[in-house]
C-alpha atoms as a PDB file:
ATOM      1  CA  MET A   1       0.000   0.000   0.000  1.00  0.00           C
ATOM      2  CA  ASN A   2       1.523   3.317  -1.049  1.00  0.00           C
ATOM      3  CA  THR A   3       1.816   6.376   1.180  1.00  0.00           C
ATOM      4  CA  LEU A   4      -1.147   8.235  -0.356  1.00  0.00           C
ATOM      5  CA  ALA A   5      -3.472   5.294   0.186  1.00  0.00           C
ATOM      6  CA  LYS A   6      -2.351   5.047   3.807  1.00  0.00           C
ATOM      7  CA  VAL A   7      -3.046   8.744   4.377  1.00  0.00           C
ATOM      8  CA  VAL A   8      -6.500   8.512   2.823  1.00  0.00           C
ATOM      9  CA  LEU A   9      -7.365   5.378   4.788  1.00  0.00           C
ATOM     10  CA  GLY A  10      -6.122   6.887   8.046  1.00  0.00           C
ATOM     11  CA  SER A  11      -8.041  10.115   7.554  1.00  0.00           C
ATOM     12  CA  MET A  12     -11.220   8.175   6.728  1.00  0.00           C
ATOM     13  CA  LEU A  13     -10.857   6.137   9.914  1.00  0.00           C
ATOM     14  CA  VAL A  14     -10.254   9.169  12.121  1.00  0.00           C
ATOM     15  CA  ALA A  15     -13.068  11.183  10.535  1.00  0.00           C
ATOM     16  CA  SER A  16     -15.526   8.305  10.846  1.00  0.00           C
ATOM     17  CA  LEU A  17     -14.705   7.829  14.517  1.00  0.00           C
ATOM     18  CA  THR A  18     -14.956  11.515  15.329  1.00  0.00           C
ATOM     19  CA  GLY A  19     -18.093  11.909  13.246  1.00  0.00           C
ATOM     20  CA  CYS A  20     -19.947   9.197  15.131  1.00  0.00           C
ATOM     21  CA  VAL A  21     -19.418  10.909  18.487  1.00  0.00           C
ATOM     22  CA  GLN A  22     -22.028  13.584  19.126  1.00  0.00           C
ATOM     23  CA  LYS A  23     -22.196  15.751  22.214  1.00  0.00           C
ATOM     24  CA  VAL A  24     -25.575  15.304  23.870  1.00  0.00           C
ATOM     25  CA  ALA A  25     -26.427  17.693  26.681  1.00  0.00           C
ATOM     26  CA  LYS A  26     -28.254  16.409  29.724  1.00  0.00           C
ATOM     27  CA  PRO A  27     -30.380  18.280  32.265  1.00  0.00           C
ATOM     28  CA  ASN A  28     -29.514  18.836  35.923  1.00  0.00           C
ATOM     29  CA  ASN A  29     -25.975  19.974  35.245  1.00  0.00           C
ATOM     30  CA  PRO A  30     -24.422  20.628  38.690  1.00  0.00           C
ATOM     31  CA  TYR A  31     -22.727  23.778  37.407  1.00  0.00           C
ATOM     32  CA  TYR A  32     -26.098  25.392  36.598  1.00  0.00           C
ATOM     33  CA  ALA A  33     -28.015  23.887  39.520  1.00  0.00           C
ATOM     34  CA  PRO A  34     -29.630  26.312  41.986  1.00  0.00           C
ATOM     35  CA  VAL A  35     -27.815  26.987  45.231  1.00  0.00           C
ATOM     36  CA  GLN A  36     -28.753  24.423  47.862  1.00  0.00           C
ATOM     37  CA  PRO A  37     -30.461  25.690  51.039  1.00  0.00           C
ATOM     38  CA  GLN A  38     -27.587  24.588  53.279  1.00  0.00           C
ATOM     39  CA  ALA A  39     -25.295  26.921  51.360  1.00  0.00           C
ATOM     40  CA  LEU A  40     -27.462  29.831  52.516  1.00  0.00           C
ATOM     41  CA  GLN A  41     -27.211  28.994  56.193  1.00  0.00           C
ATOM     42  CA  GLN A  42     -24.697  30.930  58.220  1.00  0.00           C
ATOM     43  CA  VAL A  43     -23.245  30.186  61.615  1.00  0.00           C
ATOM     44  CA  ARG A  44     -25.126  32.122  64.246  1.00  0.00           C
ATOM     45  CA  PRO A  45     -22.630  33.710  66.601  1.00  0.00           C
ATOM     46  CA  VAL A  46     -23.461  33.528  70.277  1.00  0.00           C
ATOM     47  CA  THR A  47     -23.410  37.163  71.397  1.00  0.00           C
ATOM     48  CA  GLY A  48     -26.246  37.229  73.891  1.00  0.00           C
ATOM     49  CA  SER A  49     -27.974  39.944  71.889  1.00  0.00           C
ATOM     50  CA  ILE A  50     -31.436  39.752  70.385  1.00  0.00           C
ATOM     51  CA  TYR A  51     -30.123  41.043  67.040  1.00  0.00           C
ATOM     52  CA  SER A  52     -28.206  38.560  64.907  1.00  0.00           C
ATOM     53  CA  ALA A  53     -26.504  39.552  61.653  1.00  0.00           C
ATOM     54  CA  ALA A  54     -26.914  36.003  60.364  1.00  0.00           C
ATOM     55  CA  THR A  55     -30.719  36.164  60.407  1.00  0.00           C
ATOM     56  CA  SER A  56     -31.286  39.860  59.747  1.00  0.00           C
ATOM     57  CA  ARG A  57     -33.485  41.064  56.904  1.00  0.00           C
ATOM     58  CA  ASP A  58     -33.394  44.447  55.191  1.00  0.00           C
ATOM     59  CA  ILE A  59     -36.944  45.661  55.769  1.00  0.00           C
ATOM     60  CA  TYR A  60     -36.141  48.945  54.025  1.00  0.00           C
ATOM     61  CA  GLY A  61     -34.759  47.362  50.861  1.00  0.00           C
ATOM     62  CA  ASP A  62     -36.422  47.417  47.472  1.00  0.00           C
ATOM     63  CA  GLY A  63     -36.485  43.626  47.069  1.00  0.00           C
ATOM     64  CA  ARG A  64     -33.727  43.442  44.467  1.00  0.00           C
ATOM     65  CA  ALA A  65     -31.516  40.386  44.390  1.00  0.00           C
ATOM     66  CA  THR A  66     -28.295  41.032  46.294  1.00  0.00           C
ATOM     67  CA  ARG A  67     -27.502  37.783  48.132  1.00  0.00           C
ATOM     68  CA  ILE A  68     -26.588  34.197  47.323  1.00  0.00           C
ATOM     69  CA  GLY A  69     -29.688  32.235  46.411  1.00  0.00           C
ATOM     70  CA  ASP A  70     -31.721  35.242  45.239  1.00  0.00           C
ATOM     71  CA  ILE A  71     -33.504  34.943  41.914  1.00  0.00           C
ATOM     72  CA  ILE A  72     -32.980  37.152  38.856  1.00  0.00           C
ATOM     73  CA  THR A  73     -34.755  36.970  35.512  1.00  0.00           C
ATOM     74  CA  VAL A  74     -32.475  37.483  32.522  1.00  0.00           C
ATOM     75  CA  VAL A  75     -34.226  39.005  29.508  1.00  0.00           C
ATOM     76  CA  LEU A  76     -32.545  37.615  26.387  1.00  0.00           C
ATOM     77  CA  THR A  77     -32.161  40.387  23.837  1.00  0.00           C
ATOM     78  CA  GLU A  78     -29.221  39.133  21.808  1.00  0.00           C
ATOM     79  CA  SER A  79     -28.804  40.307  18.229  1.00  0.00           C
ATOM     80  CA  THR A  80     -25.580  40.252  16.241  1.00  0.00           C
ATOM     81  CA  GLN A  81     -24.826  40.986  12.619  1.00  0.00           C
ATOM     82  CA  SER A  82     -21.539  41.013  10.777  1.00  0.00           C
ATOM     83  CA  SER A  83     -20.439  41.413   7.179  1.00  0.00           C
ATOM     84  CA  LYS A  84     -17.004  41.018   5.646  1.00  0.00           C
ATOM     85  CA  SER A  85     -15.798  41.207   2.084  1.00  0.00           C
ATOM     86  CA  ALA A  86     -12.384  41.127   0.466  1.00  0.00           C
ATOM     87  CA  LYS A  87     -11.158  41.420  -3.097  1.00  0.00           C
ATOM     88  CA  THR A  88      -7.607  41.041  -4.365  1.00  0.00           C
ATOM     89  CA  SER A  89      -6.293  41.553  -7.870  1.00  0.00           C
ATOM     90  CA  LEU A  90      -2.653  41.159  -8.916  1.00  0.00           C
ATOM     91  CA  ASP A  91      -1.112  41.654 -12.357  1.00  0.00           C
ATOM     92  CA  LYS A  92       2.585  41.490 -13.157  1.00  0.00           C
ATOM     93  CA  SER A  93       4.362  41.261 -16.509  1.00  0.00           C
ATOM     94  CA  ASN A  94       8.038  41.120 -17.458  1.00  0.00           C
ATOM     95  CA  GLU A  95       9.683  41.480 -20.859  1.00  0.00           C
ATOM     96  CA  PHE A  96      13.323  40.851 -21.709  1.00  0.00           C
ATOM     97  CA  ASN A  97      14.920  41.784 -25.060  1.00  0.00           C
ATOM     98  CA  LEU A  98      18.549  41.055 -26.030  1.00  0.00           C
ATOM     99  CA  PRO A  99      19.507  42.349 -29.481  1.00  0.00           C
ATOM    100  CA  GLN A 100      21.995  40.524 -31.651  1.00  0.00           C
ATOM    101  CA  PRO A 101      25.485  41.486 -30.498  1.00  0.00           C
ATOM    102  CA  THR A 102      27.718  43.218 -33.054  1.00  0.00           C
ATOM    103  CA  LEU A 103      31.378  44.003 -33.147  1.00  0.00           C
ATOM    104  CA  PHE A 104      32.745  46.646 -35.560  1.00  0.00           C
ATOM    105  CA  GLY A 105      29.472  46.522 -37.443  1.00  0.00           C
ATOM    106  CA  HIS A 106      29.505  42.781 -37.891  1.00  0.00           C
ATOM    107  CA  GLY A 107      27.545  40.136 -36.052  1.00  0.00           C
ATOM    108  CA  VAL A 108      29.359  38.190 -33.407  1.00  0.00           C
ATOM    109  CA  SER A 109      29.587  34.445 -33.864  1.00  0.00           C
ATOM    110  CA  ALA A 110      30.515  31.631 -31.564  1.00  0.00           C
ATOM    111  CA  PHE A 111      32.231  28.545 -32.910  1.00  0.00           C
ATOM    112  CA  GLY A 112      31.329  29.632 -36.380  1.00  0.00           C
ATOM    113  CA  ASN A 113      27.633  30.097 -35.591  1.00  0.00           C
ATOM    114  CA  PRO A 114      26.147  33.632 -35.430  1.00  0.00           C
ATOM    115  CA  ILE A 115      24.665  34.682 -32.094  1.00  0.00           C
ATOM    116  CA  SER A 116      21.056  35.669 -32.685  1.00  0.00           C
ATOM    117  CA  ALA A 117      18.898  38.044 -30.696  1.00  0.00           C
ATOM    118  CA  ALA A 118      16.954  36.776 -27.671  1.00  0.00           C
ATOM    119  CA  GLN A 119      13.536  37.761 -26.341  1.00  0.00           C
ATOM    120  CA  ALA A 120      11.564  36.526 -23.299  1.00  0.00           C
ATOM    121  CA  GLU A 121       8.208  37.481 -21.804  1.00  0.00           C
ATOM    122  CA  ALA A 122       6.512  36.455 -18.569  1.00  0.00           C
ATOM    123  CA  SER A 123       3.194  37.477 -17.000  1.00  0.00           C
ATOM    124  CA  THR A 124       1.402  36.615 -13.756  1.00  0.00           C
ATOM    125  CA  GLU A 125      -2.208  37.316 -12.881  1.00  0.00           C
ATOM    126  CA  PHE A 126      -4.258  36.582  -9.779  1.00  0.00           C
ATOM    127  CA  GLU A 127      -7.760  37.594  -8.810  1.00  0.00           C
ATOM    128  CA  GLY A 128      -9.644  36.520  -5.684  1.00  0.00           C
ATOM    129  CA  GLU A 129     -12.862  37.624  -4.019  1.00  0.00           C
ATOM    130  CA  GLY A 130     -14.564  36.575  -0.795  1.00  0.00           C
ATOM    131  CA  LYS A 131     -17.657  37.641   1.125  1.00  0.00           C
ATOM    132  CA  SER A 132     -19.193  36.542   4.413  1.00  0.00           C
ATOM    133  CA  ASP A 133     -22.472  37.604   6.085  1.00  0.00           C
ATOM    134  CA  MET A 134     -23.735  36.395   9.452  1.00  0.00           C
ATOM    135  CA  SER A 135     -26.635  37.374  11.692  1.00  0.00           C
ATOM    136  CA  ASN A 136     -28.023  35.880  14.915  1.00  0.00           C
ATOM    137  CA  SER A 137     -30.987  36.710  17.116  1.00  0.00           C
ATOM    138  CA  LEU A 138     -32.191  35.302  20.445  1.00  0.00           C
ATOM    139  CA  SER A 139     -35.052  36.541  22.586  1.00  0.00           C
ATOM    140  CA  GLY A 140     -36.878  35.217  25.624  1.00  0.00           C
ATOM    141  CA  ASN A 141     -36.589  35.007  29.406  1.00  0.00           C
ATOM    142  CA  ILE A 142     -34.740  32.694  31.764  1.00  0.00           C
ATOM    143  CA  THR A 143     -34.699  32.892  35.557  1.00  0.00           C
ATOM    144  CA  VAL A 144     -31.353  32.221  37.226  1.00  0.00           C
ATOM    145  CA  THR A 145     -30.013  32.260  40.788  1.00  0.00           C
ATOM    146  CA  VAL A 146     -27.184  34.193  42.410  1.00  0.00           C
ATOM    147  CA  HIS A 147     -24.336  31.745  43.097  1.00  0.00           C
ATOM    148  CA  ASP A 148     -21.820  34.124  44.618  1.00  0.00           C
ATOM    149  CA  VAL A 149     -21.247  37.778  45.482  1.00  0.00           C
ATOM    150  CA  LEU A 150     -17.844  39.267  44.678  1.00  0.00           C
ATOM    151  CA  PRO A 151     -16.109  41.747  47.015  1.00  0.00           C
ATOM    152  CA  ASN A 152     -17.023  44.618  44.676  1.00  0.00           C
ATOM    153  CA  GLY A 153     -20.709  43.672  44.883  1.00  0.00           C
ATOM    154  CA  SER A 154     -21.037  42.051  41.448  1.00  0.00           C
ATOM    155  CA  LEU A 155     -23.301  39.009  41.355  1.00  0.00           C
ATOM    156  CA  ILE A 156     -22.294  35.700  39.767  1.00  0.00           C
ATOM    157  CA  VAL A 157     -25.481  34.285  38.254  1.00  0.00           C
ATOM    158  CA  ARG A 158     -26.175  31.154  36.289  1.00  0.00           C
ATOM    159  CA  GLY A 159     -29.007  28.775  35.549  1.00  0.00           C
ATOM    160  CA  GLU A 160     -30.682  26.655  32.898  1.00  0.00           C
ATOM    161  CA  LYS A 161     -34.155  26.036  31.514  1.00  0.00           C
ATOM    162  CA  TRP A 162     -35.247  22.781  29.862  1.00  0.00           C
ATOM    163  CA  LEU A 163     -38.327  22.375  27.689  1.00  0.00           C
ATOM    164  CA  THR A 164     -39.559  18.879  26.868  1.00  0.00           C
ATOM    165  CA  LEU A 165     -41.391  19.034  23.559  1.00  0.00           C
ATOM    166  CA  ASN A 166     -43.171  16.456  21.431  1.00  0.00           C
ATOM    167  CA  GLN A 167     -40.111  15.251  19.535  1.00  0.00           C
ATOM    168  CA  GLY A 168     -37.254  16.220  21.797  1.00  0.00           C
ATOM    169  CA  GLU A 169     -35.905  18.693  24.304  1.00  0.00           C
ATOM    170  CA  GLU A 170     -34.646  22.263  24.112  1.00  0.00           C
ATOM    171  CA  TYR A 171     -32.567  24.032  26.717  1.00  0.00           C
ATOM    172  CA  ILE A 172     -31.125  27.441  27.501  1.00  0.00           C
ATOM    173  CA  ARG A 173     -28.116  27.962  29.757  1.00  0.00           C
ATOM    174  CA  VAL A 174     -26.951  31.351  30.969  1.00  0.00           C
ATOM    175  CA  SER A 175     -24.084  32.429  33.204  1.00  0.00           C
ATOM    176  CA  GLY A 176     -22.286  35.720  33.811  1.00  0.00           C
ATOM    177  CA  LEU A 177     -21.684  38.694  36.073  1.00  0.00           C
ATOM    178  CA  VAL A 178     -24.337  41.281  36.970  1.00  0.00           C
ATOM    179  CA  ARG A 179     -23.942  44.660  38.617  1.00  0.00           C
ATOM    180  CA  PRO A 180     -26.569  45.226  41.344  1.00  0.00           C
ATOM    181  CA  GLN A 181     -27.401  48.660  39.894  1.00  0.00           C
ATOM    182  CA  ASP A 182     -28.321  47.016  36.568  1.00  0.00           C
ATOM    183  CA  VAL A 183     -31.050  44.919  38.209  1.00  0.00           C
ATOM    184  CA  SER A 184     -34.473  46.544  37.914  1.00  0.00           C
ATOM    185  CA  GLN A 185     -37.018  46.694  40.710  1.00  0.00           C
ATOM    186  CA  ASP A 186     -38.803  43.611  39.358  1.00  0.00           C
ATOM    187  CA  ASN A 187     -35.493  41.673  39.492  1.00  0.00           C
ATOM    188  CA  THR A 188     -34.922  41.567  35.754  1.00  0.00           C
ATOM    189  CA  VAL A 189     -31.752  42.376  33.842  1.00  0.00           C
ATOM    190  CA  PRO A 190     -31.149  42.395  30.064  1.00  0.00           C
ATOM    191  CA  SER A 191     -28.659  39.882  28.764  1.00  0.00           C
ATOM    192  CA  THR A 192     -26.676  42.736  27.217  1.00  0.00           C
ATOM    193  CA  LYS A 193     -25.756  43.780  30.779  1.00  0.00           C
ATOM    194  CA  LEU A 194     -24.169  40.413  31.583  1.00  0.00           C
ATOM    195  CA  ALA A 195     -20.379  40.533  31.801  1.00  0.00           C
ATOM    196  CA  ASP A 196     -18.405  37.474  30.709  1.00  0.00           C
ATOM    197  CA  ALA A 197     -21.721  36.071  29.479  1.00  0.00           C
ATOM    198  CA  ARG A 198     -22.097  32.457  28.406  1.00  0.00           C
ATOM    199  CA  ILE A 199     -25.375  31.778  26.613  1.00  0.00           C
ATOM    200  CA  GLU A 200     -26.097  28.324  25.201  1.00  0.00           C
ATOM    201  CA  TYR A 201     -29.247  27.417  23.291  1.00  0.00           C
ATOM    202  CA  ALA A 202     -29.550  23.982  21.732  1.00  0.00           C
ATOM    203  CA  GLY A 203     -31.636  20.837  21.812  1.00  0.00           C
ATOM    204  CA  ASN A 204     -31.723  17.062  21.812  1.00  0.00           C
ATOM    205  CA  GLY A 205     -34.043  14.622  20.126  1.00  0.00           C
ATOM    206  CA  ALA A 206     -35.472  13.813  16.711  1.00  0.00           C
ATOM    207  CA  VAL A 207     -35.779  17.422  15.510  1.00  0.00           C
ATOM    208  CA  SER A 208     -32.187  18.193  16.451  1.00  0.00           C
ATOM    209  CA  ASP A 209     -30.942  14.974  14.830  1.00  0.00           C
ATOM    210  CA  THR A 210     -32.593  15.799  11.502  1.00  0.00           C
ATOM    211  CA  ASN A 211     -30.673  19.092  11.400  1.00  0.00           C
ATOM    212  CA  ALA A 212     -27.332  17.362  12.004  1.00  0.00           C
ATOM    213  CA  THR A 213     -25.014  16.515   9.123  1.00  0.00           C
ATOM    214  CA  GLY A 214     -24.478  12.798   8.494  1.00  0.00           C
ATOM    215  CA  TRP A 215     -21.136  11.192   9.268  1.00  0.00           C
ATOM    216  CA  LEU A 216     -20.294  10.658   5.593  1.00  0.00           C
ATOM    217  CA  ALA A 217     -20.904  14.321   4.742  1.00  0.00           C
ATOM    218  CA  ARG A 218     -18.884  15.384   7.779  1.00  0.00           C
ATOM    219  CA  PHE A 219     -16.062  13.168   6.558  1.00  0.00           C
ATOM    220  CA  PHE A 220     -15.791  14.974   3.231  1.00  0.00           C
ATOM    221  CA  ILE A 221     -15.763  18.430   4.919  1.00  0.00           C
ATOM    222  CA  ASN A 222     -13.362  17.316   7.651  1.00  0.00           C
ATOM    223  CA  PRO A 223     -10.057  19.257   7.756  1.00  0.00           C
ATOM    224  CA  LEU A 224      -8.237  15.892   7.629  1.00  0.00           C
ATOM    225  CA  TRP A 225      -9.619  15.213   4.155  1.00  0.00           C
ATOM    226  CA  PRO A 226      -6.551  15.731   1.909  1.00  0.00           C
ATOM    227  CA  PHE A 227      -8.410  16.678  -1.292  1.00  0.00           C
END
C-alpha cells in the first residue's frame, strides 16, 4: 500500500470515529443547579444579643436580588450581525529583449555560428474575491439564581431552563456577572448587561438529529480530508 493510500485510509478512519461521536447535553448539570439551602445557612454567633446579623433582613430594601440564592430573571435580547468582504487583484508582466550582439558593425559568432537576438516574456495574474455575512438573534426570558457575590458587589449568576417538547428537548443555559445597579425593581436584567456572558441554546431529540449533518458528509468536509 503506497503512502497516499495510507493517508486517505487513516483520515477516513479518524473522521468516521470523530463523526460518530455527538455531544448530547443532559439536564440537571451541577454547574447550573440552583444553590442548595444549606449553602445559605450561616453560623449564628453567640453574642447574647437579640439582634443577629446572620438572620437579619433588610426591611427597608427594594427587594432586588443582592444575596446568594436570590432569583434574577435574565431578559434575552441578543442580536448580532456582521459582514465582511475582500477582493484582491494582482497583475505582473516582465519582458526581456537582447539584441543581436555586433562588433565593428559585424555580427558576433561563436564557434562559427552567429549569435542571434533573444527575447523573453513572462506574466502573472491573480484575482480573488470573498464575502461573508452572518446574523443571529435570540429573545426570551430565563430565571437564574445568584451563586456568589464578589467583594465589589457584582453578582455571579447562572441557571438553565429545559423544555420537553413532542419530539425532543430544548434548553437554555446562561451564566455571567451582573452589577446590582443594573437589576431593575422587578429583578430583571437584560442579557446585554451580563459581563463574561455564556449563553447556550440547543436541543436534543429527533428534531435536532434531523438538522445534524451525516457522518459521511462530515467526513468529506473534515479538515483531515486531503483533497
